[in-house]
Amino acid sequence: MELKTARLTLLLDPAKKQAFEQLCAQQDVTPSQVVRRLIREYLESHGVEWEPSGARKPAADRKGR
């Protein structure tokens, strides 16, 4: 689970934004949830590995700290 956040600003057509927000509302998800999922899937589809910021490592990896 990600603990830290960063802002991503993007520009898009107002009509497309409205349609996106309406669809998200119909599906009971926030636009942010959808965008985070799309980014996660895009990274995975391109084989990019990443570790969530602020994520706790398993206890075995923290030994020796």
PDB file of N, CA and C in Angstrom:
ATOM      1  N   MET A   1       0.830  -1.174   0.000  1.00  0.00           N
ATOM      2  CA  MET A   1       0.000   0.000   0.000  1.00  0.00           C
ATOM      3  C   MET A   1       0.876   1.239   0.000  1.00  0.00           C
ATOM      4  N   GLU A   2       0.561   2.194  -0.823  1.00  0.00           N
ATOM      5  CA  GLU A   2       1.325   3.419  -0.893  1.00  0.00           C
ATOM      6  C   GLU A   2       0.967   4.316   0.280  1.00  0.00           C
ATOM      7  N   LEU A   3       1.979   4.888   0.912  1.00  0.00           N
ATOM      8  CA  LEU A   3       1.739   5.753   2.056  1.00  0.00           C
ATOM      9  C   LEU A   3       1.983   7.220   1.718  1.00  0.00           C
ATOM     10  N   LYS A   4       2.861   7.482   0.764  1.00  0.00           N
ATOM     11  CA  LYS A   4       3.140   8.852   0.368  1.00  0.00           C
ATOM     12  C   LYS A   4       2.457   9.110  -0.969  1.00  0.00           C
ATOM     13  N   THR A   5       2.181  10.362  -1.259  1.00  0.00           N
ATOM     14  CA  THR A   5       1.542  10.697  -2.523  1.00  0.00           C
ATOM     15  C   THR A   5       2.290  11.818  -3.215  1.00  0.00           C
ATOM     16  N   ALA A   6       2.114  11.905  -4.513  1.00  0.00           N
ATOM     17  CA  ALA A   6       2.657  12.989  -5.330  1.00  0.00           C
ATOM     18  C   ALA A   6       1.573  13.380  -6.318  1.00  0.00           C
ATOM     19  N   ARG A   7       1.572  14.627  -6.701  1.00  0.00           N
ATOM     20  CA  ARG A   7       0.534  15.136  -7.599  1.00  0.00           C
ATOM     21  C   ARG A   7       0.998  15.013  -9.056  1.00  0.00           C
ATOM     22  N   LEU A   8       0.081  14.608  -9.911  1.00  0.00           N
ATOM     23  CA  LEU A   8       0.292  14.554 -11.356  1.00  0.00           C
ATOM     24  C   LEU A   8      -0.774  15.432 -11.992  1.00  0.00           C
ATOM     25  N   THR A   9      -0.349  16.449 -12.716  1.00  0.00           N
ATOM     26  CA  THR A   9      -1.298  17.356 -13.359  1.00  0.00           C
ATOM     27  C   THR A   9      -1.315  17.059 -14.849  1.00  0.00           C
ATOM     28  N   LEU A  10      -2.502  16.958 -15.420  1.00  0.00           N
ATOM     29  CA  LEU A  10      -2.612  16.738 -16.852  1.00  0.00           C
ATOM     30  C   LEU A  10      -3.717  17.605 -17.422  1.00  0.00           C
ATOM     31  N   LEU A  11      -3.596  17.891 -18.686  1.00  0.00           N
ATOM     32  CA  LEU A  11      -4.584  18.700 -19.386  1.00  0.00           C
ATOM     33  C   LEU A  11      -5.337  17.828 -20.371  1.00  0.00           C
ATOM     34  N   LEU A  12      -6.659  18.012 -20.418  1.00  0.00           N
ATOM     35  CA  LEU A  12      -7.460  17.293 -21.393  1.00  0.00           C
ATOM     36  C   LEU A  12      -8.692  18.117 -21.741  1.00  0.00           C
ATOM     37  N   ASP A  13      -9.318  17.732 -22.794  1.00  0.00           N
ATOM     38  CA  ASP A  13     -10.508  18.405 -23.294  1.00  0.00           C
ATOM     39  C   ASP A  13     -11.591  18.408 -22.215  1.00  0.00           C
ATOM     40  N   PRO A  14     -12.227  19.545 -21.975  1.00  0.00           N
ATOM     41  CA  PRO A  14     -13.268  19.615 -20.936  1.00  0.00           C
ATOM     42  C   PRO A  14     -14.409  18.615 -21.129  1.00  0.00           C
ATOM     43  N   ALA A  15     -14.816  18.371 -22.356  1.00  0.00           N
ATOM     44  CA  ALA A  15     -15.905  17.411 -22.596  1.00  0.00           C
ATOM     45  C   ALA A  15     -15.459  15.991 -22.244  1.00  0.00           C
ATOM     46  N   LYS A  16     -14.210  15.672 -22.541  1.00  0.00           N
ATOM     47  CA  LYS A  16     -13.684  14.343 -22.214  1.00  0.00           C
ATOM     48  C   LYS A  16     -13.574  14.194 -20.691  1.00  0.00           C
ATOM     49  N   LYS A  17     -13.152  15.244 -20.010  1.00  0.00           N
ATOM     50  CA  LYS A  17     -13.068  15.227 -18.546  1.00  0.00           C
ATOM     51  C   LYS A  17     -14.447  14.994 -17.938  1.00  0.00           C
ATOM     52  N   GLN A  18     -15.443  15.690 -18.434  1.00  0.00           N
ATOM     53  CA  GLN A  18     -16.797  15.544 -17.917  1.00  0.00           C
ATOM     54  C   GLN A  18     -17.312  14.120 -18.137  1.00  0.00           C
ATOM     55  N   ALA A  19     -17.094  13.584 -19.327  1.00  0.00           N
ATOM     56  CA  ALA A  19     -17.536  12.216 -19.620  1.00  0.00           C
ATOM     57  C   ALA A  19     -16.829  11.212 -18.712  1.00  0.00           C
ATOM     58  N   PHE A  20     -15.533  11.419 -18.493  1.00  0.00           N
ATOM     59  CA  PHE A  20     -14.751  10.539 -17.623  1.00  0.00           C
ATOM     60  C   PHE A  20     -15.276  10.595 -16.196  1.00  0.00           C
ATOM     61  N   GLU A  21     -15.519  11.794 -15.677  1.00  0.00           N
ATOM     62  CA  GLU A  21     -16.024  11.947 -14.326  1.00  0.00           C
ATOM     63  C   GLU A  21     -17.418  11.326 -14.165  1.00  0.00           C
ATOM     64  N   GLN A  22     -18.252  11.465 -15.176  1.00  0.00           N
ATOM     65  CA  GLN A  22     -19.590  10.869 -15.123  1.00  0.00           C
ATOM     66  C   GLN A  22     -19.507   9.340 -15.112  1.00  0.00           C
ATOM     67  N   LEU A  23     -18.650   8.793 -15.944  1.00  0.00           N
ATOM     68  CA  LEU A  23     -18.486   7.337 -15.982  1.00  0.00           C
ATOM     69  C   LEU A  23     -17.943   6.827 -14.650  1.00  0.00           C
ATOM     70  N   CYS A  24     -16.977   7.521 -14.099  1.00  0.00           N
ATOM     71  CA  CYS A  24     -16.438   7.120 -12.797  1.00  0.00           C
ATOM     72  C   CYS A  24     -17.541   7.126 -11.743  1.00  0.00           C
ATOM     73  N   ALA A  25     -18.352   8.179 -11.726  1.00  0.00           N
ATOM     74  CA  ALA A  25     -19.441   8.268 -10.751  1.00  0.00           C
ATOM     75  C   ALA A  25     -20.427   7.109 -10.923  1.00  0.00           C
ATOM     76  N   GLN A  26     -20.737   6.764 -12.166  1.00  0.00           N
ATOM     77  CA  GLN A  26     -21.652   5.645 -12.431  1.00  0.00           C
ATOM     78  C   GLN A  26     -21.081   4.333 -11.916  1.00  0.00           C
ATOM     79  N   GLN A  27     -19.754   4.208 -11.947  1.00  0.00           N
ATOM     80  CA  GLN A  27     -19.098   2.976 -11.513  1.00  0.00           C
ATOM     81  C   GLN A  27     -18.668   3.037 -10.038  1.00  0.00           C
ATOM     82  N   ASP A  28     -19.039   4.129  -9.361  1.00  0.00           N
ATOM     83  CA  ASP A  28     -18.736   4.313  -7.941  1.00  0.00           C
ATOM     84  C   ASP A  28     -17.239   4.218  -7.639  1.00  0.00           C
ATOM     85  N   VAL A  29     -16.437   4.841  -8.495  1.00  0.00           N
ATOM     86  CA  VAL A  29     -14.993   4.966  -8.279  1.00  0.00           C
ATOM     87  C   VAL A  29     -14.614   6.425  -8.505  1.00  0.00           C
ATOM     88  N   THR A  30     -13.514   6.829  -7.915  1.00  0.00           N
ATOM     89  CA  THR A  30     -13.061   8.200  -8.143  1.00  0.00           C
ATOM     90  C   THR A  30     -12.166   8.227  -9.380  1.00  0.00           C
ATOM     91  N   PRO A  31     -12.089   9.378 -10.030  1.00  0.00           N
ATOM     92  CA  PRO A  31     -11.148   9.497 -11.159  1.00  0.00           C
ATOM     93  C   PRO A  31      -9.722   9.153 -10.736  1.00  0.00           C
ATOM     94  N   SER A  32      -9.324   9.544  -9.533  1.00  0.00           N
ATOM     95  CA  SER A  32      -7.973   9.220  -9.055  1.00  0.00           C
ATOM     96  C   SER A  32      -7.747   7.718  -8.958  1.00  0.00           C
ATOM     97  N   GLN A  33      -8.742   6.987  -8.487  1.00  0.00           N
ATOM     98  CA  GLN A  33      -8.608   5.529  -8.400  1.00  0.00           C
ATOM     99  C   GLN A  33      -8.383   4.926  -9.781  1.00  0.00           C
ATOM    100  N   VAL A  34      -9.132   5.410 -10.749  1.00  0.00           N
ATOM    101  CA  VAL A  34      -9.011   4.884 -12.113  1.00  0.00           C
ATOM    102  C   VAL A  34      -7.636   5.204 -12.699  1.00  0.00           C
ATOM    103  N   VAL A  35      -7.189   6.430 -12.527  1.00  0.00           N
ATOM    104  CA  VAL A  35      -5.888   6.826 -13.071  1.00  0.00           C
ATOM    105  C   VAL A  35      -4.760   6.040 -12.399  1.00  0.00           C
ATOM    106  N   ARG A  36      -4.829   5.862 -11.080  1.00  0.00           N
ATOM    107  CA  ARG A  36      -3.797   5.069 -10.389  1.00  0.00           C
ATOM    108  C   ARG A  36      -3.771   3.642 -10.930  1.00  0.00           C
ATOM    109  N   ARG A  37      -4.969   3.054 -11.146  1.00  0.00           N
ATOM    110  CA  ARG A  37      -5.022   1.687 -11.684  1.00  0.00           C
ATOM    111  C   ARG A  37      -4.433   1.632 -13.088  1.00  0.00           C
ATOM    112  N   LEU A  38      -4.773   2.622 -13.936  1.00  0.00           N
ATOM    113  CA  LEU A  38      -4.236   2.651 -15.300  1.00  0.00           C
ATOM    114  C   LEU A  38      -2.711   2.762 -15.307  1.00  0.00           C
ATOM    115  N   ILE A  39      -2.175   3.599 -14.427  1.00  0.00           N
ATOM    116  CA  ILE A  39      -0.718   3.754 -14.349  1.00  0.00           C
ATOM    117  C   ILE A  39      -0.075   2.448 -13.884  1.00  0.00           C
ATOM    118  N   ARG A  40      -0.654   1.824 -12.848  1.00  0.00           N
ATOM    119  CA  ARG A  40      -0.127   0.552 -12.345  1.00  0.00           C
ATOM    120  C   ARG A  40      -0.115  -0.507 -13.447  1.00  0.00           C
ATOM    121  N   GLU A  41      -1.229  -0.620 -14.186  1.00  0.00           N
ATOM    122  CA  GLU A  41      -1.318  -1.599 -15.271  1.00  0.00           C
ATOM    123  C   GLU A  41      -0.353  -1.279 -16.400  1.00  0.00           C
ATOM    124  N   TYR A  42      -0.160  -0.012 -16.698  1.00  0.00           N
ATOM    125  CA  TYR A  42       0.768   0.402 -17.758  1.00  0.00           C
ATOM    126  C   TYR A  42       2.204   0.020 -17.379  1.00  0.00           C
ATOM    127  N   LEU A  43       2.583   0.283 -16.133  1.00  0.00           N
ATOM    128  CA  LEU A  43       3.920  -0.097 -15.677  1.00  0.00           C
ATOM    129  C   LEU A  43       4.107  -1.609 -15.759  1.00  0.00           C
ATOM    130  N   GLU A  44       3.114  -2.361 -15.282  1.00  0.00           N
ATOM    131  CA  GLU A  44       3.205  -3.825 -15.313  1.00  0.00           C
ATOM    132  C   GLU A  44       3.299  -4.352 -16.734  1.00  0.00           C
ATOM    133  N   SER A  45       2.527  -3.778 -17.653  1.00  0.00           N
ATOM    134  CA  SER A  45       2.526  -4.267 -19.034  1.00  0.00           C
ATOM    135  C   SER A  45       3.861  -4.032 -19.729  1.00  0.00           C
ATOM    136  N   HIS A  46       4.643  -3.095 -19.202  1.00  0.00           N
ATOM    137  CA  HIS A  46       5.959  -2.799 -19.781  1.00  0.00           C
ATOM    138  C   HIS A  46       7.094  -3.361 -18.931  1.00  0.00           C
ATOM    139  N   GLY A  47       6.738  -4.204 -17.972  1.00  0.00           N
ATOM    140  CA  GLY A  47       7.739  -4.883 -17.164  1.00  0.00           C
ATOM    141  C   GLY A  47       8.500  -3.972 -16.216  1.00  0.00           C
ATOM    142  N   VAL A  48       7.912  -2.842 -15.861  1.00  0.00           N
ATOM    143  CA  VAL A  48       8.571  -1.913 -14.950  1.00  0.00           C
ATOM    144  C   VAL A  48       8.243  -2.294 -13.515  1.00  0.00           C
ATOM    145  N   GLU A  49       9.294  -2.572 -12.734  1.00  0.00           N
ATOM    146  CA  GLU A  49       9.104  -2.899 -11.325  1.00  0.00           C
ATOM    147  C   GLU A  49       9.298  -1.637 -10.502  1.00  0.00           C
ATOM    148  N   TRP A  50       8.504  -1.502  -9.457  1.00  0.00           N
ATOM    149  CA  TRP A  50       8.604  -0.332  -8.592  1.00  0.00           C
ATOM    150  C   TRP A  50       8.184  -0.741  -7.195  1.00  0.00           C
ATOM    151  N   GLU A  51       8.627   0.013  -6.237  1.00  0.00           N
ATOM    152  CA  GLU A  51       8.247  -0.231  -4.851  1.00  0.00           C
ATOM    153  C   GLU A  51       7.498   0.991  -4.356  1.00  0.00           C
ATOM    154  N   PRO A  52       6.319   0.807  -3.808  1.00  0.00           N
ATOM    155  CA  PRO A  52       5.544   1.962  -3.327  1.00  0.00           C
ATOM    156  C   PRO A  52       6.333   2.790  -2.318  1.00  0.00           C
ATOM    157  N   SER A  53       6.225   4.096  -2.410  1.00  0.00           N
ATOM    158  CA  SER A  53       6.888   4.985  -1.462  1.00  0.00           C
ATOM    159  C   SER A  53       6.329   4.766  -0.075  1.00  0.00           C
ATOM    160  N   GLY A  54       7.221   4.661   0.890  1.00  0.00           N
ATOM    161  CA  GLY A  54       6.788   4.516   2.268  1.00  0.00           C
ATOM    162  C   GLY A  54       6.317   3.127   2.636  1.00  0.00           C
ATOM    163  N   ALA A  55       6.396   2.192   1.688  1.00  0.00           N
ATOM    164  CA  ALA A  55       5.950   0.825   1.985  1.00  0.00           C
ATOM    165  C   ALA A  55       6.914   0.179   2.969  1.00  0.00           C
ATOM    166  N   ARG A  56       6.385  -0.579   3.898  1.00  0.00           N
ATOM    167  CA  ARG A  56       7.225  -1.271   4.873  1.00  0.00           C
ATOM    168  C   ARG A  56       7.765  -2.537   4.251  1.00  0.00           C
ATOM    169  N   LYS A  57       9.036  -2.789   4.448  1.00  0.00           N
ATOM    170  CA  LYS A  57       9.647  -4.006   3.952  1.00  0.00           C
ATOM    171  C   LYS A  57       9.375  -5.139   4.932  1.00  0.00           C
ATOM    172  N   PRO A  58       9.362  -6.389   4.443  1.00  0.00           N
ATOM    173  CA  PRO A  58       9.157  -7.521   5.357  1.00  0.00           C
ATOM    174  C   PRO A  58      10.218  -7.500   6.457  1.00  0.00           C
ATOM    175  N   ALA A  59       9.883  -8.047   7.631  1.00  0.00           N
ATOM    176  CA  ALA A  59      10.771  -8.018   8.776  1.00  0.00           C
ATOM    177  C   ALA A  59      12.147  -8.592   8.455  1.00  0.00           C
ATOM    178  N   ALA A  60      12.208  -9.649   7.640  1.00  0.00           N
ATOM    179  CA  ALA A  60      13.482 -10.270   7.283  1.00  0.00           C
ATOM    180  C   ALA A  60      14.389  -9.282   6.551  1.00  0.00           C
ATOM    181  N   ASP A  61      13.820  -8.368   5.761  1.00  0.00           N
ATOM    182  CA  ASP A  61      14.615  -7.391   5.034  1.00  0.00           C
ATOM    183  C   ASP A  61      15.058  -6.231   5.918  1.00  0.00           C
ATOM    184  N   ARG A  62      14.401  -6.040   7.065  1.00  0.00           N
ATOM    185  CA  ARG A  62      14.723  -4.915   7.933  1.00  0.00           C
ATOM    186  C   ARG A  62      15.772  -5.252   8.964  1.00  0.00           C
ATOM    187  N   LYS A  63      16.148  -6.512   9.097  1.00  0.00           N
ATOM    188  CA  LYS A  63      17.142  -6.917  10.094  1.00  0.00           C
ATOM    189  C   LYS A  63      18.451  -6.207   9.816  1.00  0.00           C
ATOM    190  N   GLY A  64      19.103  -5.815  10.890  1.00  0.00           N
ATOM    191  CA  GLY A  64      20.381  -5.129  10.729  1.00  0.00           C
ATOM    192  C   GLY A  64      20.249  -3.631  10.648  1.00  0.00           C
ATOM    193  N   ARG A  65      19.026  -3.114  10.746  1.00  0.00           N
ATOM    194  CA  ARG A  65      18.830  -1.662  10.722  1.00  0.00           C
ATOM    195  C   ARG A  65      19.187  -1.052  12.035  1.00  0.00           C
TER     196      ARG A  65
END
